[in-house]
Amino acid sequence: MRYLSSVDEFARGLELIREGRYFEAHEELELVWRAADASERDFYQGLVHVAVAWYQAGRSRPVATASQLEKAARRLATFAPTHRGVDVASVLSQVETARSVVRGGSLDLDEPRV
């Protein structure tokens, strides 16, 4: 097995989110989060929460989805508008839209764009 650098793992994690492979995305991004400097951990952990929120929505788990969306919003907020090539402001807007959908009793979330 080939060792991936944090940059490779980060890019792969974003790619997996785009592909709708949220569980795999969370695992890849978690590797980056754990290896990151303290000043960057909230950013990576916020993206982990995004992936997990959409994963939980797919499993029909509204409470877990809402919790992950709240955590994503809190962790990513200080990195807006952009960080490491990610349009954080857009991700936060998508998270807020998803939170509204969940509060309205649905888990039919639009695919995240990261």
N, C-alpha and C. Protein backbone atom coordinates (compact mmCIF):
# COMPACT_ATOMS: atom_id res chain seq x y z
N MET A 1 0.84 -1.19 0.00
CA MET A 1 0.00 0.00 0.00
C MET A 1 0.89 1.24 0.00
N ARG A 2 0.52 2.21 -0.81
CA ARG A 2 1.29 3.44 -0.96
C ARG A 2 0.89 4.42 0.12
N TYR A 3 1.87 5.08 0.71
CA TYR A 3 1.60 6.10 1.72
C TYR A 3 1.19 7.38 1.02
N LEU A 4 0.10 7.98 1.48
CA LEU A 4 -0.37 9.25 0.94
C LEU A 4 0.05 10.38 1.86
N SER A 5 0.43 11.51 1.26
CA SER A 5 0.73 12.69 2.07
C SER A 5 -0.58 13.33 2.50
N SER A 6 -0.51 14.22 3.47
CA SER A 6 -1.70 14.93 3.92
C SER A 6 -2.36 15.69 2.78
N VAL A 7 -1.55 16.22 1.87
CA VAL A 7 -2.10 16.94 0.72
C VAL A 7 -2.91 15.98 -0.15
N ASP A 8 -2.36 14.79 -0.41
CA ASP A 8 -3.07 13.78 -1.19
C ASP A 8 -4.34 13.34 -0.48
N GLU A 9 -4.26 13.12 0.81
CA GLU A 9 -5.43 12.68 1.58
C GLU A 9 -6.51 13.76 1.59
N PHE A 10 -6.11 15.02 1.70
CA PHE A 10 -7.05 16.13 1.68
C PHE A 10 -7.77 16.17 0.33
N ALA A 11 -6.99 16.15 -0.76
CA ALA A 11 -7.59 16.17 -2.10
C ALA A 11 -8.50 14.96 -2.31
N ARG A 12 -8.07 13.82 -1.86
CA ARG A 12 -8.89 12.59 -2.01
C ARG A 12 -10.16 12.71 -1.17
N GLY A 13 -10.08 13.25 0.03
CA GLY A 13 -11.26 13.43 0.87
C GLY A 13 -12.29 14.32 0.21
N LEU A 14 -11.85 15.43 -0.38
CA LEU A 14 -12.76 16.33 -1.09
C LEU A 14 -13.37 15.63 -2.30
N GLU A 15 -12.56 14.88 -3.01
CA GLU A 15 -13.04 14.14 -4.18
C GLU A 15 -14.12 13.13 -3.76
N LEU A 16 -13.90 12.46 -2.66
CA LEU A 16 -14.87 11.47 -2.18
C LEU A 16 -16.20 12.13 -1.78
N ILE A 17 -16.13 13.33 -1.19
CA ILE A 17 -17.37 14.06 -0.88
C ILE A 17 -18.10 14.34 -2.19
N ARG A 18 -17.37 14.82 -3.18
CA ARG A 18 -17.98 15.15 -4.48
C ARG A 18 -18.61 13.93 -5.14
N GLU A 19 -18.06 12.76 -4.87
CA GLU A 19 -18.58 11.51 -5.43
C GLU A 19 -19.74 10.94 -4.60
N GLY A 20 -20.04 11.58 -3.47
CA GLY A 20 -21.11 11.07 -2.61
C GLY A 20 -20.69 9.87 -1.77
N ARG A 21 -19.40 9.68 -1.63
CA ARG A 21 -18.87 8.56 -0.83
C ARG A 21 -18.45 9.13 0.54
N TYR A 22 -19.47 9.43 1.33
CA TYR A 22 -19.27 10.20 2.55
C TYR A 22 -18.52 9.45 3.64
N PHE A 23 -18.78 8.18 3.80
CA PHE A 23 -18.07 7.43 4.82
C PHE A 23 -16.57 7.40 4.51
N GLU A 24 -16.24 7.10 3.25
CA GLU A 24 -14.83 7.06 2.85
C GLU A 24 -14.19 8.44 2.95
N ALA A 25 -14.96 9.48 2.61
CA ALA A 25 -14.46 10.85 2.72
C ALA A 25 -14.12 11.19 4.16
N HIS A 26 -15.00 10.81 5.06
CA HIS A 26 -14.75 11.11 6.48
C HIS A 26 -13.49 10.41 6.96
N GLU A 27 -13.28 9.17 6.53
CA GLU A 27 -12.07 8.45 6.96
C GLU A 27 -10.81 9.10 6.41
N GLU A 28 -10.83 9.52 5.16
CA GLU A 28 -9.67 10.15 4.55
C GLU A 28 -9.37 11.49 5.22
N LEU A 29 -10.40 12.30 5.40
CA LEU A 29 -10.21 13.62 6.01
C LEU A 29 -9.84 13.52 7.49
N GLU A 30 -10.27 12.48 8.13
CA GLU A 30 -9.90 12.29 9.54
C GLU A 30 -8.39 12.09 9.68
N LEU A 31 -7.78 11.44 8.71
CA LEU A 31 -6.32 11.26 8.73
C LEU A 31 -5.62 12.62 8.66
N VAL A 32 -6.14 13.51 7.83
CA VAL A 32 -5.56 14.84 7.69
C VAL A 32 -5.77 15.63 8.97
N TRP A 33 -6.98 15.58 9.50
CA TRP A 33 -7.32 16.30 10.73
C TRP A 33 -6.39 15.88 11.87
N ARG A 34 -6.20 14.60 12.04
CA ARG A 34 -5.36 14.12 13.15
C ARG A 34 -3.90 14.54 13.01
N ALA A 35 -3.43 14.70 11.77
CA ALA A 35 -2.02 15.06 11.53
C ALA A 35 -1.81 16.57 11.47
N ALA A 36 -2.87 17.34 11.44
CA ALA A 36 -2.78 18.79 11.23
C ALA A 36 -2.26 19.53 12.45
N ASP A 37 -1.67 20.70 12.19
CA ASP A 37 -1.30 21.61 13.26
C ASP A 37 -2.57 22.06 13.98
N ALA A 38 -2.44 22.43 15.22
CA ALA A 38 -3.60 22.84 16.02
C ALA A 38 -4.40 23.95 15.36
N SER A 39 -3.72 24.88 14.68
CA SER A 39 -4.41 26.02 14.06
C SER A 39 -5.28 25.60 12.88
N GLU A 40 -5.07 24.42 12.35
CA GLU A 40 -5.81 23.93 11.18
C GLU A 40 -6.84 22.85 11.52
N ARG A 41 -6.79 22.33 12.71
CA ARG A 41 -7.63 21.17 13.03
C ARG A 41 -9.12 21.44 12.89
N ASP A 42 -9.58 22.61 13.30
CA ASP A 42 -11.01 22.90 13.19
C ASP A 42 -11.46 22.89 11.73
N PHE A 43 -10.63 23.37 10.82
CA PHE A 43 -10.97 23.36 9.40
C PHE A 43 -11.19 21.93 8.92
N TYR A 44 -10.23 21.08 9.16
CA TYR A 44 -10.34 19.70 8.68
C TYR A 44 -11.45 18.95 9.41
N GLN A 45 -11.57 19.18 10.71
CA GLN A 45 -12.63 18.52 11.45
C GLN A 45 -14.00 18.99 10.97
N GLY A 46 -14.12 20.26 10.62
CA GLY A 46 -15.37 20.76 10.06
C GLY A 46 -15.76 20.03 8.79
N LEU A 47 -14.77 19.77 7.93
CA LEU A 47 -15.05 19.01 6.71
C LEU A 47 -15.41 17.56 7.02
N VAL A 48 -14.80 17.00 8.05
CA VAL A 48 -15.19 15.65 8.50
C VAL A 48 -16.66 15.67 8.90
N HIS A 49 -17.07 16.69 9.65
CA HIS A 49 -18.47 16.79 10.08
C HIS A 49 -19.41 16.93 8.88
N VAL A 50 -18.99 17.65 7.86
CA VAL A 50 -19.82 17.75 6.64
C VAL A 50 -20.04 16.36 6.05
N ALA A 51 -18.96 15.62 5.87
CA ALA A 51 -19.07 14.28 5.29
C ALA A 51 -19.96 13.38 6.16
N VAL A 52 -19.78 13.44 7.46
CA VAL A 52 -20.56 12.59 8.36
C VAL A 52 -22.03 13.01 8.37
N ALA A 53 -22.31 14.30 8.27
CA ALA A 53 -23.70 14.75 8.24
C ALA A 53 -24.43 14.15 7.05
N TRP A 54 -23.82 14.21 5.87
CA TRP A 54 -24.47 13.67 4.69
C TRP A 54 -24.55 12.14 4.77
N TYR A 55 -23.56 11.52 5.36
CA TYR A 55 -23.60 10.06 5.57
C TYR A 55 -24.77 9.71 6.47
N GLN A 56 -24.94 10.43 7.57
CA GLN A 56 -26.03 10.15 8.51
C GLN A 56 -27.40 10.42 7.87
N ALA A 57 -27.48 11.44 7.02
CA ALA A 57 -28.74 11.71 6.31
C ALA A 57 -29.10 10.51 5.44
N GLY A 58 -28.10 9.94 4.79
CA GLY A 58 -28.33 8.75 3.96
C GLY A 58 -28.73 7.53 4.75
N ARG A 59 -28.45 7.53 6.02
CA ARG A 59 -28.84 6.43 6.91
C ARG A 59 -30.14 6.72 7.65
N SER A 60 -30.80 7.82 7.27
CA SER A 60 -32.09 8.22 7.87
C SER A 60 -31.96 8.49 9.36
N ARG A 61 -30.94 9.23 9.74
CA ARG A 61 -30.69 9.55 11.15
C ARG A 61 -30.74 11.06 11.36
N PRO A 62 -31.94 11.62 11.57
CA PRO A 62 -32.08 13.07 11.65
C PRO A 62 -31.34 13.72 12.81
N VAL A 63 -31.33 13.11 13.97
CA VAL A 63 -30.66 13.71 15.12
C VAL A 63 -29.15 13.77 14.89
N ALA A 64 -28.59 12.68 14.40
CA ALA A 64 -27.15 12.64 14.11
C ALA A 64 -26.80 13.63 12.99
N THR A 65 -27.66 13.71 11.99
CA THR A 65 -27.42 14.64 10.88
C THR A 65 -27.40 16.08 11.40
N ALA A 66 -28.40 16.44 12.18
CA ALA A 66 -28.48 17.80 12.73
C ALA A 66 -27.27 18.11 13.59
N SER A 67 -26.86 17.17 14.40
CA SER A 67 -25.70 17.37 15.28
C SER A 67 -24.43 17.61 14.46
N GLN A 68 -24.23 16.81 13.43
CA GLN A 68 -23.03 16.96 12.60
C GLN A 68 -23.03 18.27 11.83
N LEU A 69 -24.20 18.69 11.36
CA LEU A 69 -24.30 19.97 10.65
C LEU A 69 -23.97 21.13 11.57
N GLU A 70 -24.44 21.06 12.81
CA GLU A 70 -24.15 22.12 13.78
C GLU A 70 -22.65 22.18 14.05
N LYS A 71 -22.04 21.04 14.23
CA LYS A 71 -20.59 20.99 14.48
C LYS A 71 -19.81 21.51 13.28
N ALA A 72 -20.24 21.14 12.08
CA ALA A 72 -19.56 21.62 10.86
C ALA A 72 -19.60 23.14 10.79
N ALA A 73 -20.77 23.72 11.03
CA ALA A 73 -20.92 25.18 10.97
C ALA A 73 -20.02 25.86 12.00
N ARG A 74 -19.99 25.33 13.19
CA ARG A 74 -19.19 25.93 14.26
C ARG A 74 -17.69 25.85 13.95
N ARG A 75 -17.23 24.71 13.46
CA ARG A 75 -15.80 24.53 13.22
C ARG A 75 -15.30 25.28 12.00
N LEU A 76 -16.14 25.39 10.98
CA LEU A 76 -15.70 26.02 9.73
C LEU A 76 -15.83 27.54 9.73
N ALA A 77 -16.65 28.08 10.58
CA ALA A 77 -16.99 29.51 10.53
C ALA A 77 -15.78 30.43 10.49
N THR A 78 -14.77 30.16 11.27
CA THR A 78 -13.62 31.07 11.34
C THR A 78 -12.71 30.99 10.11
N PHE A 79 -12.98 30.05 9.21
CA PHE A 79 -12.13 29.88 8.03
C PHE A 79 -12.73 30.50 6.77
N ALA A 80 -13.92 31.08 6.89
CA ALA A 80 -14.57 31.73 5.74
C ALA A 80 -13.84 33.03 5.43
N PRO A 81 -13.79 33.47 4.21
CA PRO A 81 -14.57 32.95 3.10
C PRO A 81 -13.92 31.77 2.37
N THR A 82 -12.59 31.70 2.34
CA THR A 82 -11.93 30.56 1.70
C THR A 82 -10.74 30.12 2.54
N HIS A 83 -10.42 28.85 2.41
CA HIS A 83 -9.26 28.32 3.11
C HIS A 83 -8.80 27.07 2.37
N ARG A 84 -7.51 27.02 2.10
CA ARG A 84 -6.91 25.87 1.43
C ARG A 84 -7.65 25.47 0.15
N GLY A 85 -8.09 26.48 -0.60
CA GLY A 85 -8.75 26.22 -1.87
C GLY A 85 -10.22 25.84 -1.77
N VAL A 86 -10.75 25.82 -0.56
CA VAL A 86 -12.16 25.48 -0.35
C VAL A 86 -12.96 26.77 -0.16
N ASP A 87 -14.05 26.90 -0.88
CA ASP A 87 -14.97 28.02 -0.71
C ASP A 87 -15.79 27.76 0.55
N VAL A 88 -15.22 28.12 1.68
CA VAL A 88 -15.83 27.83 2.98
C VAL A 88 -17.17 28.56 3.12
N ALA A 89 -17.26 29.77 2.61
CA ALA A 89 -18.52 30.51 2.68
C ALA A 89 -19.63 29.73 1.98
N SER A 90 -19.33 29.14 0.84
CA SER A 90 -20.32 28.33 0.13
C SER A 90 -20.67 27.07 0.92
N VAL A 91 -19.67 26.42 1.47
CA VAL A 91 -19.93 25.22 2.27
C VAL A 91 -20.82 25.58 3.47
N LEU A 92 -20.53 26.69 4.13
CA LEU A 92 -21.35 27.12 5.26
C LEU A 92 -22.79 27.41 4.84
N SER A 93 -22.96 28.00 3.67
CA SER A 93 -24.30 28.26 3.15
C SER A 93 -25.04 26.94 2.90
N GLN A 94 -24.34 25.98 2.34
CA GLN A 94 -24.93 24.66 2.09
C GLN A 94 -25.29 23.96 3.40
N VAL A 95 -24.43 24.09 4.38
CA VAL A 95 -24.70 23.51 5.69
C VAL A 95 -25.94 24.15 6.30
N GLU A 96 -26.05 25.47 6.19
CA GLU A 96 -27.22 26.16 6.75
C GLU A 96 -28.50 25.74 6.02
N THR A 97 -28.43 25.60 4.71
CA THR A 97 -29.59 25.12 3.96
C THR A 97 -29.96 23.70 4.41
N ALA A 98 -28.97 22.86 4.58
CA ALA A 98 -29.22 21.49 5.05
C ALA A 98 -29.84 21.49 6.44
N ARG A 99 -29.36 22.38 7.30
CA ARG A 99 -29.94 22.48 8.66
C ARG A 99 -31.41 22.85 8.58
N SER A 100 -31.77 23.76 7.68
CA SER A 100 -33.18 24.15 7.51
C SER A 100 -34.02 22.97 7.01
N VAL A 101 -33.47 22.21 6.08
CA VAL A 101 -34.17 21.03 5.56
C VAL A 101 -34.43 20.04 6.69
N VAL A 102 -33.41 19.79 7.49
CA VAL A 102 -33.54 18.83 8.60
C VAL A 102 -34.54 19.35 9.64
N ARG A 103 -34.46 20.63 9.97
CA ARG A 103 -35.43 21.21 10.91
C ARG A 103 -36.86 21.09 10.38
N GLY A 104 -37.00 21.10 9.06
CA GLY A 104 -38.31 20.96 8.44
C GLY A 104 -38.80 19.52 8.36
N GLY A 105 -38.00 18.59 8.87
CA GLY A 105 -38.44 17.20 8.94
C GLY A 105 -38.02 16.32 7.77
N SER A 106 -37.09 16.80 6.96
CA SER A 106 -36.64 16.02 5.81
C SER A 106 -35.14 15.75 5.90
N LEU A 107 -34.72 14.69 5.27
CA LEU A 107 -33.29 14.40 5.13
C LEU A 107 -32.89 14.38 3.66
N ASP A 108 -33.72 14.95 2.81
CA ASP A 108 -33.46 15.02 1.38
C ASP A 108 -32.55 16.21 1.09
N LEU A 109 -31.26 16.02 1.34
CA LEU A 109 -30.28 17.09 1.22
C LEU A 109 -29.69 17.14 -0.18
N ASP A 110 -29.48 18.36 -0.68
CA ASP A 110 -28.76 18.51 -1.94
C ASP A 110 -27.33 18.02 -1.72
N GLU A 111 -26.73 17.47 -2.78
CA GLU A 111 -25.35 17.01 -2.69
C GLU A 111 -24.44 18.19 -2.35
N PRO A 112 -23.51 18.02 -1.43
CA PRO A 112 -22.61 19.14 -1.09
C PRO A 112 -21.62 19.40 -2.23
N ARG A 113 -21.29 20.67 -2.40
CA ARG A 113 -20.30 21.09 -3.38
C ARG A 113 -19.12 21.67 -2.61
N VAL A 114 -18.01 21.00 -2.67
CA VAL A 114 -16.82 21.47 -1.96
C VAL A 114 -15.69 21.68 -2.94
